[in-house]
Amino acid sequence: MRLIALIEGLSYLFLLFIAMPLKYFAGLPQVVTVAGGLHGLFFVLYLIALINVTIADGWKFGRVLFTFVIAFVPFGNFILDSRLRKE
């Protein structure tokens, strides 16, 4: 879970802070197409990992909800990683 969360978080940051500026300021929309597709794949893998740990470790609804919502916050998956590392 931690690994895919970090990969998904990094892909989100790349999309927001590198691909989107390249699209709008450098006229390179294909960067967003590629980065967005990869980020979408990583997000689906993140959801699968979330379902897996929910079932395997018996995560409560609040924790699952927090883990889902934090994926939409820039740098949020790094907060999640620090919490998971403490366990």
PDB file of N, CA and C in Angstrom:
ATOM      1  N   MET A   1       0.821  -1.191   0.000  1.00  0.00           N
ATOM      2  CA  MET A   1       0.000   0.000   0.000  1.00  0.00           C
ATOM      3  C   MET A   1       0.868   1.259   0.000  1.00  0.00           C
ATOM      4  N   ARG A   2       1.909   1.221   0.829  1.00  0.00           N
ATOM      5  CA  ARG A   2       2.763   2.414   0.901  1.00  0.00           C
ATOM      6  C   ARG A   2       3.428   2.710  -0.433  1.00  0.00           C
ATOM      7  N   LEU A   3       3.903   1.673  -1.110  1.00  0.00           N
ATOM      8  CA  LEU A   3       4.604   1.877  -2.379  1.00  0.00           C
ATOM      9  C   LEU A   3       3.682   2.472  -3.438  1.00  0.00           C
ATOM     10  N   ILE A   4       2.516   1.875  -3.608  1.00  0.00           N
ATOM     11  CA  ILE A   4       1.616   2.402  -4.639  1.00  0.00           C
ATOM     12  C   ILE A   4       1.097   3.783  -4.255  1.00  0.00           C
ATOM     13  N   ALA A   5       0.936   4.044  -2.957  1.00  0.00           N
ATOM     14  CA  ALA A   5       0.511   5.376  -2.523  1.00  0.00           C
ATOM     15  C   ALA A   5       1.558   6.421  -2.882  1.00  0.00           C
ATOM     16  N   LEU A   6       2.826   6.087  -2.695  1.00  0.00           N
ATOM     17  CA  LEU A   6       3.892   7.026  -3.059  1.00  0.00           C
ATOM     18  C   LEU A   6       3.977   7.238  -4.564  1.00  0.00           C
ATOM     19  N   ILE A   7       3.862   6.152  -5.315  1.00  0.00           N
ATOM     20  CA  ILE A   7       3.906   6.270  -6.776  1.00  0.00           C
ATOM     21  C   ILE A   7       2.727   7.104  -7.273  1.00  0.00           C
ATOM     22  N   GLU A   8       1.543   6.848  -6.734  1.00  0.00           N
ATOM     23  CA  GLU A   8       0.355   7.604  -7.139  1.00  0.00           C
ATOM     24  C   GLU A   8       0.507   9.077  -6.754  1.00  0.00           C
ATOM     25  N   GLY A   9       1.037   9.328  -5.565  1.00  0.00           N
ATOM     26  CA  GLY A   9       1.245  10.708  -5.122  1.00  0.00           C
ATOM     27  C   GLY A   9       2.251  11.449  -5.987  1.00  0.00           C
ATOM     28  N   LEU A  10       3.322  10.779  -6.352  1.00  0.00           N
ATOM     29  CA  LEU A  10       4.323  11.400  -7.227  1.00  0.00           C
ATOM     30  C   LEU A  10       3.752  11.673  -8.618  1.00  0.00           C
ATOM     31  N   SER A  11       2.955  10.741  -9.125  1.00  0.00           N
ATOM     32  CA  SER A  11       2.365  10.961 -10.450  1.00  0.00           C
ATOM     33  C   SER A  11       1.383  12.129 -10.422  1.00  0.00           C
ATOM     34  N   TYR A  12       0.677  12.294  -9.306  1.00  0.00           N
ATOM     35  CA  TYR A  12      -0.259  13.418  -9.153  1.00  0.00           C
ATOM     36  C   TYR A  12       0.504  14.742  -9.136  1.00  0.00           C
ATOM     37  N   LEU A  13       1.603  14.777  -8.380  1.00  0.00           N
ATOM     38  CA  LEU A  13       2.413  15.992  -8.339  1.00  0.00           C
ATOM     39  C   LEU A  13       3.022  16.307  -9.700  1.00  0.00           C
ATOM     40  N   PHE A  14       3.491  15.287 -10.390  1.00  0.00           N
ATOM     41  CA  PHE A  14       4.033  15.495 -11.738  1.00  0.00           C
ATOM     42  C   PHE A  14       2.964  16.078 -12.659  1.00  0.00           C
ATOM     43  N   LEU A  15       1.766  15.517 -12.576  1.00  0.00           N
ATOM     44  CA  LEU A  15       0.662  16.004 -13.405  1.00  0.00           C
ATOM     45  C   LEU A  15       0.335  17.460 -13.086  1.00  0.00           C
ATOM     46  N   LEU A  16       0.239  17.792 -11.809  1.00  0.00           N
ATOM     47  CA  LEU A  16      -0.136  19.150 -11.416  1.00  0.00           C
ATOM     48  C   LEU A  16       0.944  20.188 -11.659  1.00  0.00           C
ATOM     49  N   PHE A  17       2.183  19.853 -11.303  1.00  0.00           N
ATOM     50  CA  PHE A  17       3.230  20.871 -11.273  1.00  0.00           C
ATOM     51  C   PHE A  17       4.206  20.837 -12.440  1.00  0.00           C
ATOM     52  N   ILE A  18       4.156  19.791 -13.254  1.00  0.00           N
ATOM     53  CA  ILE A  18       5.036  19.744 -14.420  1.00  0.00           C
ATOM     54  C   ILE A  18       4.221  19.646 -15.704  1.00  0.00           C
ATOM     55  N   ALA A  19       3.339  18.649 -15.791  1.00  0.00           N
ATOM     56  CA  ALA A  19       2.601  18.431 -17.037  1.00  0.00           C
ATOM     57  C   ALA A  19       1.625  19.573 -17.341  1.00  0.00           C
ATOM     58  N   MET A  20       0.872  20.001 -16.336  1.00  0.00           N
ATOM     59  CA  MET A  20      -0.103  21.068 -16.592  1.00  0.00           C
ATOM     60  C   MET A  20       0.574  22.383 -16.999  1.00  0.00           C
ATOM     61  N   PRO A  21       1.634  22.828 -16.314  1.00  0.00           N
ATOM     62  CA  PRO A  21       2.325  24.027 -16.798  1.00  0.00           C
ATOM     63  C   PRO A  21       2.899  23.867 -18.205  1.00  0.00           C
ATOM     64  N   LEU A  22       3.404  22.671 -18.517  1.00  0.00           N
ATOM     65  CA  LEU A  22       3.913  22.453 -19.871  1.00  0.00           C
ATOM     66  C   LEU A  22       2.790  22.558 -20.900  1.00  0.00           C
ATOM     67  N   LYS A  23       1.621  22.108 -20.532  1.00  0.00           N
ATOM     68  CA  LYS A  23       0.482  22.195 -21.452  1.00  0.00           C
ATOM     69  C   LYS A  23       0.106  23.651 -21.700  1.00  0.00           C
ATOM     70  N   TYR A  24      -0.037  24.423 -20.626  1.00  0.00           N
ATOM     71  CA  TYR A  24      -0.564  25.777 -20.770  1.00  0.00           C
ATOM     72  C   TYR A  24       0.482  26.836 -21.079  1.00  0.00           C
ATOM     73  N   PHE A  25       1.718  26.621 -20.671  1.00  0.00           N
ATOM     74  CA  PHE A  25       2.732  27.652 -20.889  1.00  0.00           C
ATOM     75  C   PHE A  25       3.711  27.324 -22.008  1.00  0.00           C
ATOM     76  N   ALA A  26       3.820  26.032 -22.352  1.00  0.00           N
ATOM     77  CA  ALA A  26       4.753  25.644 -23.407  1.00  0.00           C
ATOM     78  C   ALA A  26       4.035  25.034 -24.607  1.00  0.00           C
ATOM     79  N   GLY A  27       2.704  24.931 -24.521  1.00  0.00           N
ATOM     80  CA  GLY A  27       1.942  24.393 -25.644  1.00  0.00           C
ATOM     81  C   GLY A  27       2.196  22.924 -25.912  1.00  0.00           C
ATOM     82  N   LEU A  28       2.382  22.144 -24.864  1.00  0.00           N
ATOM     83  CA  LEU A  28       2.664  20.711 -25.025  1.00  0.00           C
ATOM     84  C   LEU A  28       1.561  19.870 -24.369  1.00  0.00           C
ATOM     85  N   PRO A  29       0.386  19.808 -24.977  1.00  0.00           N
ATOM     86  CA  PRO A  29      -0.713  19.064 -24.345  1.00  0.00           C
ATOM     87  C   PRO A  29      -0.481  17.561 -24.281  1.00  0.00           C
ATOM     88  N   GLN A  30       0.399  17.029 -25.115  1.00  0.00           N
ATOM     89  CA  GLN A  30       0.651  15.594 -25.106  1.00  0.00           C
ATOM     90  C   GLN A  30       1.285  15.124 -23.791  1.00  0.00           C
ATOM     91  N   VAL A  31       1.968  16.022 -23.081  1.00  0.00           N
ATOM     92  CA  VAL A  31       2.555  15.660 -21.789  1.00  0.00           C
ATOM     93  C   VAL A  31       1.444  15.328 -20.791  1.00  0.00           C
ATOM     94  N   VAL A  32       0.362  16.112 -20.813  1.00  0.00           N
ATOM     95  CA  VAL A  32      -0.772  15.853 -19.921  1.00  0.00           C
ATOM     96  C   VAL A  32      -1.469  14.558 -20.324  1.00  0.00           C
ATOM     97  N   THR A  33      -1.544  14.292 -21.603  1.00  0.00           N
ATOM     98  CA  THR A  33      -2.174  13.047 -22.064  1.00  0.00           C
ATOM     99  C   THR A  33      -1.439  11.831 -21.515  1.00  0.00           C
ATOM    100  N   VAL A  34      -0.129  11.839 -21.627  1.00  0.00           N
ATOM    101  CA  VAL A  34       0.665  10.702 -21.144  1.00  0.00           C
ATOM    102  C   VAL A  34       0.663  10.660 -19.619  1.00  0.00           C
ATOM    103  N   ALA A  35       0.956  11.789 -18.974  1.00  0.00           N
ATOM    104  CA  ALA A  35       1.015  11.818 -17.510  1.00  0.00           C
ATOM    105  C   ALA A  35      -0.356  11.525 -16.895  1.00  0.00           C
ATOM    106  N   GLY A  36      -1.405  12.042 -17.520  1.00  0.00           N
ATOM    107  CA  GLY A  36      -2.757  11.792 -17.011  1.00  0.00           C
ATOM    108  C   GLY A  36      -3.147  10.329 -17.123  1.00  0.00           C
ATOM    109  N   GLY A  37      -2.771   9.702 -18.221  1.00  0.00           N
ATOM    110  CA  GLY A  37      -3.053   8.271 -18.386  1.00  0.00           C
ATOM    111  C   GLY A  37      -2.325   7.424 -17.369  1.00  0.00           C
ATOM    112  N   LEU A  38      -1.055   7.742 -17.153  1.00  0.00           N
ATOM    113  CA  LEU A  38      -0.278   7.004 -16.149  1.00  0.00           C
ATOM    114  C   LEU A  38      -0.824   7.243 -14.743  1.00  0.00           C
ATOM    115  N   HIS A  39      -1.163   8.489 -14.455  1.00  0.00           N
ATOM    116  CA  HIS A  39      -1.730   8.795 -13.139  1.00  0.00           C
ATOM    117  C   HIS A  39      -3.047   8.048 -12.937  1.00  0.00           C
ATOM    118  N   GLY A  40      -3.867   7.977 -13.963  1.00  0.00           N
ATOM    119  CA  GLY A  40      -5.119   7.231 -13.872  1.00  0.00           C
ATOM    120  C   GLY A  40      -4.874   5.765 -13.573  1.00  0.00           C
ATOM    121  N   LEU A  41      -3.893   5.178 -14.228  1.00  0.00           N
ATOM    122  CA  LEU A  41      -3.534   3.786 -13.957  1.00  0.00           C
ATOM    123  C   LEU A  41      -3.071   3.614 -12.516  1.00  0.00           C
ATOM    124  N   PHE A  42      -2.203   4.519 -12.059  1.00  0.00           N
ATOM    125  CA  PHE A  42      -1.708   4.425 -10.690  1.00  0.00           C
ATOM    126  C   PHE A  42      -2.828   4.634  -9.671  1.00  0.00           C
ATOM    127  N   PHE A  43      -3.795   5.494  -9.996  1.00  0.00           N
ATOM    128  CA  PHE A  43      -4.915   5.709  -9.079  1.00  0.00           C
ATOM    129  C   PHE A  43      -5.781   4.456  -8.979  1.00  0.00           C
ATOM    130  N   VAL A  44      -6.002   3.788 -10.093  1.00  0.00           N
ATOM    131  CA  VAL A  44      -6.764   2.526 -10.061  1.00  0.00           C
ATOM    132  C   VAL A  44      -6.013   1.486  -9.231  1.00  0.00           C
ATOM    133  N   LEU A  45      -4.700   1.393  -9.401  1.00  0.00           N
ATOM    134  CA  LEU A  45      -3.900   0.466  -8.595  1.00  0.00           C
ATOM    135  C   LEU A  45      -3.953   0.841  -7.116  1.00  0.00           C
ATOM    136  N   TYR A  46      -3.986   2.137  -6.831  1.00  0.00           N
ATOM    137  CA  TYR A  46      -4.123   2.629  -5.457  1.00  0.00           C
ATOM    138  C   TYR A  46      -5.454   2.176  -4.859  1.00  0.00           C
ATOM    139  N   LEU A  47      -6.525   2.283  -5.632  1.00  0.00           N
ATOM    140  CA  LEU A  47      -7.835   1.842  -5.150  1.00  0.00           C
ATOM    141  C   LEU A  47      -7.863   0.335  -4.917  1.00  0.00           C
ATOM    142  N   ILE A  48      -7.241  -0.420  -5.811  1.00  0.00           N
ATOM    143  CA  ILE A  48      -7.166  -1.877  -5.632  1.00  0.00           C
ATOM    144  C   ILE A  48      -6.376  -2.208  -4.363  1.00  0.00           C
ATOM    145  N   ALA A  49      -5.271  -1.506  -4.145  1.00  0.00           N
ATOM    146  CA  ALA A  49      -4.479  -1.728  -2.924  1.00  0.00           C
ATOM    147  C   ALA A  49      -5.290  -1.356  -1.685  1.00  0.00           C
ATOM    148  N   LEU A  50      -6.069  -0.285  -1.771  1.00  0.00           N
ATOM    149  CA  LEU A  50      -6.916   0.127  -0.653  1.00  0.00           C
ATOM    150  C   LEU A  50      -7.965  -0.933  -0.340  1.00  0.00           C
ATOM    151  N   ILE A  51      -8.582  -1.471  -1.367  1.00  0.00           N
ATOM    152  CA  ILE A  51      -9.557  -2.549  -1.166  1.00  0.00           C
ATOM    153  C   ILE A  51      -8.873  -3.768  -0.552  1.00  0.00           C
ATOM    154  N   ASN A  52      -7.686  -4.075  -1.037  1.00  0.00           N
ATOM    155  CA  ASN A  52      -6.939  -5.228  -0.534  1.00  0.00           C
ATOM    156  C   ASN A  52      -6.610  -5.089   0.958  1.00  0.00           C
ATOM    157  N   VAL A  53      -6.068  -3.940   1.368  1.00  0.00           N
ATOM    158  CA  VAL A  53      -5.720  -3.793   2.781  1.00  0.00           C
ATOM    159  C   VAL A  53      -6.968  -3.683   3.651  1.00  0.00           C
ATOM    160  N   THR A  54      -8.039  -3.140   3.102  1.00  0.00           N
ATOM    161  CA  THR A  54      -9.291  -3.067   3.855  1.00  0.00           C
ATOM    162  C   THR A  54      -9.787  -4.466   4.197  1.00  0.00           C
ATOM    163  N   ILE A  55      -9.733  -5.344   3.228  1.00  0.00           N
ATOM    164  CA  ILE A  55     -10.185  -6.722   3.446  1.00  0.00           C
ATOM    165  C   ILE A  55      -9.176  -7.499   4.290  1.00  0.00           C
ATOM    166  N   ALA A  56      -7.902  -7.419   3.934  1.00  0.00           N
ATOM    167  CA  ALA A  56      -6.875  -8.222   4.602  1.00  0.00           C
ATOM    168  C   ALA A  56      -6.626  -7.786   6.047  1.00  0.00           C
ATOM    169  N   ASP A  57      -6.626  -6.475   6.288  1.00  0.00           N
ATOM    170  CA  ASP A  57      -6.284  -5.974   7.620  1.00  0.00           C
ATOM    171  C   ASP A  57      -7.494  -5.485   8.406  1.00  0.00           C
ATOM    172  N   GLY A  58      -8.671  -5.521   7.796  1.00  0.00           N
ATOM    173  CA  GLY A  58      -9.887  -5.121   8.497  1.00  0.00           C
ATOM    174  C   GLY A  58      -9.945  -3.647   8.848  1.00  0.00           C
ATOM    175  N   TRP A  59      -9.513  -2.799   7.918  1.00  0.00           N
ATOM    176  CA  TRP A  59      -9.545  -1.365   8.172  1.00  0.00           C
ATOM    177  C   TRP A  59     -10.975  -0.896   8.394  1.00  0.00           C
ATOM    178  N   LYS A  60     -11.146   0.026   9.317  1.00  0.00           N
ATOM    179  CA  LYS A  60     -12.451   0.618   9.612  1.00  0.00           C
ATOM    180  C   LYS A  60     -12.802   1.649   8.538  1.00  0.00           C
ATOM    181  N   PHE A  61     -14.105   1.976   8.459  1.00  0.00           N
ATOM    182  CA  PHE A  61     -14.598   2.871   7.419  1.00  0.00           C
ATOM    183  C   PHE A  61     -13.911   4.232   7.451  1.00  0.00           C
ATOM    184  N   GLY A  62     -13.704   4.799   8.623  1.00  0.00           N
ATOM    185  CA  GLY A  62     -13.069   6.115   8.731  1.00  0.00           C
ATOM    186  C   GLY A  62     -11.663   6.131   8.161  1.00  0.00           C
ATOM    187  N   ARG A  63     -10.929   5.088   8.416  1.00  0.00           N
ATOM    188  CA  ARG A  63      -9.565   4.997   7.896  1.00  0.00           C
ATOM    189  C   ARG A  63      -9.567   4.831   6.377  1.00  0.00           C
ATOM    190  N   VAL A  64     -10.489   4.025   5.876  1.00  0.00           N
ATOM    191  CA  VAL A  64     -10.606   3.836   4.426  1.00  0.00           C
ATOM    192  C   VAL A  64     -10.989   5.158   3.768  1.00  0.00           C
ATOM    193  N   LEU A  65     -11.932   5.868   4.356  1.00  0.00           N
ATOM    194  CA  LEU A  65     -12.366   7.159   3.811  1.00  0.00           C
ATOM    195  C   LEU A  65     -11.209   8.159   3.808  1.00  0.00           C
ATOM    196  N   PHE A  66     -10.465   8.228   4.918  1.00  0.00           N
ATOM    197  CA  PHE A  66      -9.308   9.121   4.989  1.00  0.00           C
ATOM    198  C   PHE A  66      -8.290   8.779   3.899  1.00  0.00           C
ATOM    199  N   THR A  67      -8.007   7.496   3.729  1.00  0.00           N
ATOM    200  CA  THR A  67      -7.034   7.050   2.737  1.00  0.00           C
ATOM    201  C   THR A  67      -7.493   7.378   1.323  1.00  0.00           C
ATOM    202  N   PHE A  68      -8.790   7.296   1.075  1.00  0.00           N
ATOM    203  CA  PHE A  68      -9.331   7.640  -0.241  1.00  0.00           C
ATOM    204  C   PHE A  68      -9.247   9.146  -0.477  1.00  0.00           C
ATOM    205  N   VAL A  69      -9.696   9.929   0.477  1.00  0.00           N
ATOM    206  CA  VAL A  69      -9.760  11.386   0.309  1.00  0.00           C
ATOM    207  C   VAL A  69      -8.366  11.997   0.222  1.00  0.00           C
ATOM    208  N   ILE A  70      -7.412  11.478   0.982  1.00  0.00           N
ATOM    209  CA  ILE A  70      -6.065  12.049   1.008  1.00  0.00           C
ATOM    210  C   ILE A  70      -5.378  11.957  -0.358  1.00  0.00           C
ATOM    211  N   ALA A  71      -5.830  11.042  -1.200  1.00  0.00           N
ATOM    212  CA  ALA A  71      -5.243  10.909  -2.542  1.00  0.00           C
ATOM    213  C   ALA A  71      -5.540  12.123  -3.420  1.00  0.00           C
ATOM    214  N   PHE A  72      -6.552  12.900  -3.069  1.00  0.00           N
ATOM    215  CA  PHE A  72      -6.916  14.073  -3.863  1.00  0.00           C
ATOM    216  C   PHE A  72      -6.223  15.342  -3.389  1.00  0.00           C
ATOM    217  N   VAL A  73      -5.465  15.247  -2.322  1.00  0.00           N
ATOM    218  CA  VAL A  73      -4.766  16.396  -1.753  1.00  0.00           C
ATOM    219  C   VAL A  73      -3.317  16.352  -2.218  1.00  0.00           C
ATOM    220  N   PRO A  74      -2.823  17.418  -2.851  1.00  0.00           N
ATOM    221  CA  PRO A  74      -1.403  17.409  -3.221  1.00  0.00           C
ATOM    222  C   PRO A  74      -0.532  17.173  -1.983  1.00  0.00           C
ATOM    223  N   PHE A  75       0.429  16.307  -2.105  1.00  0.00           N
ATOM    224  CA  PHE A  75       1.327  15.882  -1.031  1.00  0.00           C
ATOM    225  C   PHE A  75       0.625  15.048   0.037  1.00  0.00           C
ATOM    226  N   GLY A  76      -0.659  14.749  -0.155  1.00  0.00           N
ATOM    227  CA  GLY A  76      -1.422  13.994   0.830  1.00  0.00           C
ATOM    228  C   GLY A  76      -0.926  12.578   1.025  1.00  0.00           C
ATOM    229  N   ASN A  77      -0.478  11.941  -0.037  1.00  0.00           N
ATOM    230  CA  ASN A  77      -0.005  10.564   0.096  1.00  0.00           C
ATOM    231  C   ASN A  77       1.281  10.471   0.909  1.00  0.00           C
ATOM    232  N   PHE A  78       2.014  11.565   1.028  1.00  0.00           N
ATOM    233  CA  PHE A  78       3.203  11.566   1.868  1.00  0.00           C
ATOM    234  C   PHE A  78       2.803  11.620   3.337  1.00  0.00           C
ATOM    235  N   ILE A  79       1.702  12.299   3.636  1.00  0.00           N
ATOM    236  CA  ILE A  79       1.141  12.283   4.989  1.00  0.00           C
ATOM    237  C   ILE A  79       0.677  10.863   5.320  1.00  0.00           C
ATOM    238  N   LEU A  80      -0.013  10.248   4.370  1.00  0.00           N
ATOM    239  CA  LEU A  80      -0.467   8.872   4.560  1.00  0.00           C
ATOM    240  C   LEU A  80       0.715   7.945   4.792  1.00  0.00           C
ATOM    241  N   ASP A  81       1.773   8.103   4.023  1.00  0.00           N
ATOM    242  CA  ASP A  81       2.940   7.245   4.167  1.00  0.00           C
ATOM    243  C   ASP A  81       3.551   7.367   5.557  1.00  0.00           C
ATOM    244  N   SER A  82       3.638   8.577   6.075  1.00  0.00           N
ATOM    245  CA  SER A  82       4.212   8.737   7.412  1.00  0.00           C
ATOM    246  C   SER A  82       3.349   8.057   8.465  1.00  0.00           C
ATOM    247  N   ARG A  83       2.033   8.085   8.284  1.00  0.00           N
ATOM    248  CA  ARG A  83       1.145   7.396   9.234  1.00  0.00           C
ATOM    249  C   ARG A  83       1.281   5.882   9.112  1.00  0.00           C
ATOM    250  N   LEU A  84       1.365   5.384   7.868  1.00  0.00           N
ATOM    251  CA  LEU A  84       1.474   3.945   7.685  1.00  0.00           C
ATOM    252  C   LEU A  84       2.829   3.420   8.160  1.00  0.00           C
ATOM    253  N   ARG A  85       3.867   4.224   8.004  1.00  0.00           N
ATOM    254  CA  ARG A  85       5.209   3.820   8.425  1.00  0.00           C
ATOM    255  C   ARG A  85       5.278   3.644   9.936  1.00  0.00           C
ATOM    256  N   LYS A  86       4.494   4.426  10.673  1.00  0.00           N
ATOM    257  CA  LYS A  86       4.494   4.332  12.136  1.00  0.00           C
ATOM    258  C   LYS A  86       3.912   3.020  12.641  1.00  0.00           C
ATOM    259  N   GLU A  87       3.134   2.353  11.802  1.00  0.00           N
ATOM    260  CA  GLU A  87       2.506   1.094  12.225  1.00  0.00           C
ATOM    261  C   GLU A  87       3.469  -0.064  12.204  1.00  0.00           C
TER     262      GLU A  87
END
